[in-house]
């Protein structure tokens, strides 16, 4: 496990959500204000506000890719096009590993219920699924950004 992966996993273990943890791992590289990034990404954990839609590690990665491209291109059209291409590449690679980018499918329980949250804790899905998705997301970003 490399330093960015370790940083992301440590952030997750300290209480940040999956999206925030992925973003944190790239704060130094992309030189952005971490407090603002954490604030903007707080609602993306657990598949976007516990809706269990797109995995937070994935949405965090999408934000990192957008931030990267915003520093690379002078015009919003170029930023969008580069970001869309990278996001599609990221999604394809993540789906190759996990079969989906959907949080609910990845953890297979309903986090909106007490029963689902208990299942999540009792089956150690925080570590068994979420940490792996975070680590994979960091690796894919590194590959796409060539860092």
Protein backbone atom coordinates (compact mmCIF):
# COMPACT_ATOMS: atom_id res chain seq x y z
CA UNK A 1 0.00 0.00 0.00
CA UNK A 2 1.52 3.33 -1.03
CA UNK A 3 1.49 6.63 0.89
CA UNK A 4 -1.63 8.07 -0.77
CA UNK A 5 -3.56 4.87 -0.11
CA UNK A 6 -2.37 4.89 3.50
CA UNK A 7 -3.41 8.52 3.89
CA UNK A 8 -6.85 7.81 2.44
CA UNK A 9 -7.42 4.75 4.63
CA UNK A 10 -6.22 6.58 7.74
CA UNK A 11 -8.59 9.45 6.95
CA UNK A 12 -11.44 6.95 6.59
CA UNK A 13 -10.58 5.24 9.87
CA UNK A 14 -10.47 8.64 11.59
CA UNK A 15 -14.08 9.34 10.66
CA UNK A 16 -14.05 10.98 7.23
CA UNK A 17 -16.39 9.44 4.71
CA UNK A 18 -15.20 7.55 1.64
CA UNK A 19 -15.41 10.54 -0.73
CA UNK A 20 -13.57 12.80 1.71
CA UNK A 21 -10.90 10.16 2.25
CA UNK A 22 -10.10 9.86 -1.44
CA UNK A 23 -9.93 13.64 -1.80
CA UNK A 24 -7.66 13.98 1.23
CA UNK A 25 -5.10 11.68 -0.36
CA UNK A 26 -4.57 14.15 -3.22
CA UNK A 27 -4.71 17.48 -1.39
CA UNK A 28 -0.94 17.99 -1.44
CA UNK A 29 -0.57 16.97 -5.09
CA UNK A 30 -3.34 19.23 -6.34
CA UNK A 31 -2.70 22.05 -3.84
CA UNK A 32 -6.28 22.79 -2.88
CA UNK A 33 -7.81 24.00 0.35
CA UNK A 34 -8.61 20.82 2.21
CA UNK A 35 -11.31 22.36 4.41
CA UNK A 36 -13.34 23.46 1.40
CA UNK A 37 -12.88 20.13 -0.35
CA UNK A 38 -13.95 18.22 2.76
CA UNK A 39 -16.98 20.46 3.14
CA UNK A 40 -18.03 20.01 -0.48
CA UNK A 41 -17.59 16.24 -0.36
CA UNK A 42 -19.24 15.56 3.01
CA UNK A 43 -22.59 14.72 1.42
CA UNK A 44 -21.14 12.16 -0.97
CA UNK A 45 -20.38 9.41 1.56
CA UNK A 46 -22.37 6.18 1.66
CA UNK A 47 -23.38 6.53 -1.95
CA UNK A 48 -24.38 10.19 -1.73
CA UNK A 49 -25.97 10.99 1.59
CA UNK A 50 -26.58 7.36 2.47
CA UNK A 51 -28.75 6.94 -0.62
CA UNK A 52 -26.38 4.16 -1.66
CA UNK A 53 -26.17 5.33 -5.24
CA UNK A 54 -22.67 5.95 -6.67
CA UNK A 55 -19.98 4.82 -4.21
CA UNK A 56 -18.41 7.72 -2.31
CA UNK A 57 -14.90 6.53 -3.17
CA UNK A 58 -15.93 6.86 -6.81
CA UNK A 59 -17.52 10.31 -6.46
CA UNK A 60 -14.48 11.45 -4.49
CA UNK A 61 -12.32 10.24 -7.36
CA UNK A 62 -14.48 12.14 -9.84
CA UNK A 63 -13.91 15.31 -7.80
CA UNK A 64 -10.16 14.73 -7.73
CA UNK A 65 -10.09 14.25 -11.50
CA UNK A 66 -12.06 17.45 -12.01
CA UNK A 67 -9.72 19.36 -9.70
CA UNK A 68 -6.73 17.99 -11.58
CA UNK A 69 -8.14 19.06 -14.93
CA UNK A 70 -9.14 22.50 -13.67
CA UNK A 71 -5.44 23.16 -13.11
CA UNK A 72 -4.44 21.77 -16.49
CA UNK A 73 -6.74 23.60 -18.89
CA UNK A 74 -7.57 27.29 -19.18
CA UNK A 75 -11.10 26.93 -20.51
CA UNK A 76 -14.14 25.28 -18.95
CA UNK A 77 -14.99 23.37 -22.13
CA UNK A 78 -11.53 21.74 -22.12
CA UNK A 79 -11.79 21.05 -18.38
CA UNK A 80 -15.15 19.34 -18.87
CA UNK A 81 -14.05 17.25 -21.84
CA UNK A 82 -10.85 16.08 -20.14
CA UNK A 83 -12.75 15.35 -16.93
CA UNK A 84 -15.52 13.43 -18.68
CA UNK A 85 -12.95 11.28 -20.49
CA UNK A 86 -11.05 10.53 -17.27
CA UNK A 87 -14.25 9.86 -15.33
CA UNK A 88 -15.37 7.37 -17.97
CA UNK A 89 -11.95 5.68 -17.86
CA UNK A 90 -12.05 5.61 -14.05
CA UNK A 91 -15.56 4.14 -14.02
CA UNK A 92 -14.60 1.43 -16.51
CA UNK A 93 -11.55 0.43 -14.45
CA UNK A 94 -13.43 0.46 -11.13
CA UNK A 95 -16.28 -1.57 -12.63
CA UNK A 96 -13.78 -4.08 -13.99
CA UNK A 97 -12.63 -4.72 -10.41
CA UNK A 98 -15.99 -4.60 -8.57
CA UNK A 99 -18.64 -5.12 -11.23
CA UNK A 100 -20.41 -1.88 -10.26
CA UNK A 101 -19.94 1.63 -8.91
CA UNK A 102 -23.19 1.39 -6.91
CA UNK A 103 -22.71 1.58 -3.13
CA UNK A 104 -25.78 -0.52 -2.35
CA UNK A 105 -24.61 -3.31 -4.62
CA UNK A 106 -21.09 -3.16 -3.21
CA UNK A 107 -22.10 -3.49 0.45
CA UNK A 108 -25.40 -5.35 -0.02
CA UNK A 109 -27.23 -3.82 2.94
CA UNK A 110 -29.48 -0.80 3.54
CA UNK A 111 -27.60 1.90 5.44
CA UNK A 112 -30.80 3.93 5.83
CA UNK A 113 -32.05 1.45 8.43
CA UNK A 114 -30.74 0.56 11.86
CA UNK A 115 -30.76 -3.09 10.85
CA UNK A 116 -28.66 -2.35 7.78
CA UNK A 117 -26.19 -0.26 9.77
CA UNK A 118 -25.88 -3.08 12.32
CA UNK A 119 -25.28 -5.57 9.50
CA UNK A 120 -22.64 -3.22 8.07
CA UNK A 121 -20.81 -3.06 11.42
CA UNK A 122 -21.19 -6.75 12.31
CA UNK A 123 -19.84 -7.86 8.94
CA UNK A 124 -16.95 -5.39 9.07
CA UNK A 125 -17.94 -3.93 5.69
CA UNK A 126 -16.17 -0.69 6.59
CA UNK A 127 -12.89 -2.57 6.19
CA UNK A 128 -13.88 -5.47 3.95
CA UNK A 129 -15.53 -3.37 1.24
CA UNK A 130 -15.19 0.38 1.75
CA UNK A 131 -11.47 0.50 2.50
CA UNK A 132 -10.79 -1.65 -0.54
CA UNK A 133 -12.89 0.65 -2.75
CA UNK A 134 -11.00 3.67 -1.39
CA UNK A 135 -7.63 2.03 -2.01
CA UNK A 136 -8.62 0.97 -5.52
CA UNK A 137 -9.90 4.46 -6.29
CA UNK A 138 -6.60 6.00 -5.23
CA UNK A 139 -4.66 3.54 -7.42
CA UNK A 140 -6.84 4.23 -10.45
CA UNK A 141 -6.49 7.99 -10.01
CA UNK A 142 -2.72 7.65 -9.78
CA UNK A 143 -2.73 5.62 -12.96
CA UNK A 144 -4.89 8.14 -14.81
CA UNK A 145 -2.87 11.13 -13.59
CA UNK A 146 0.45 9.34 -14.05
CA UNK A 147 1.59 10.24 -10.53
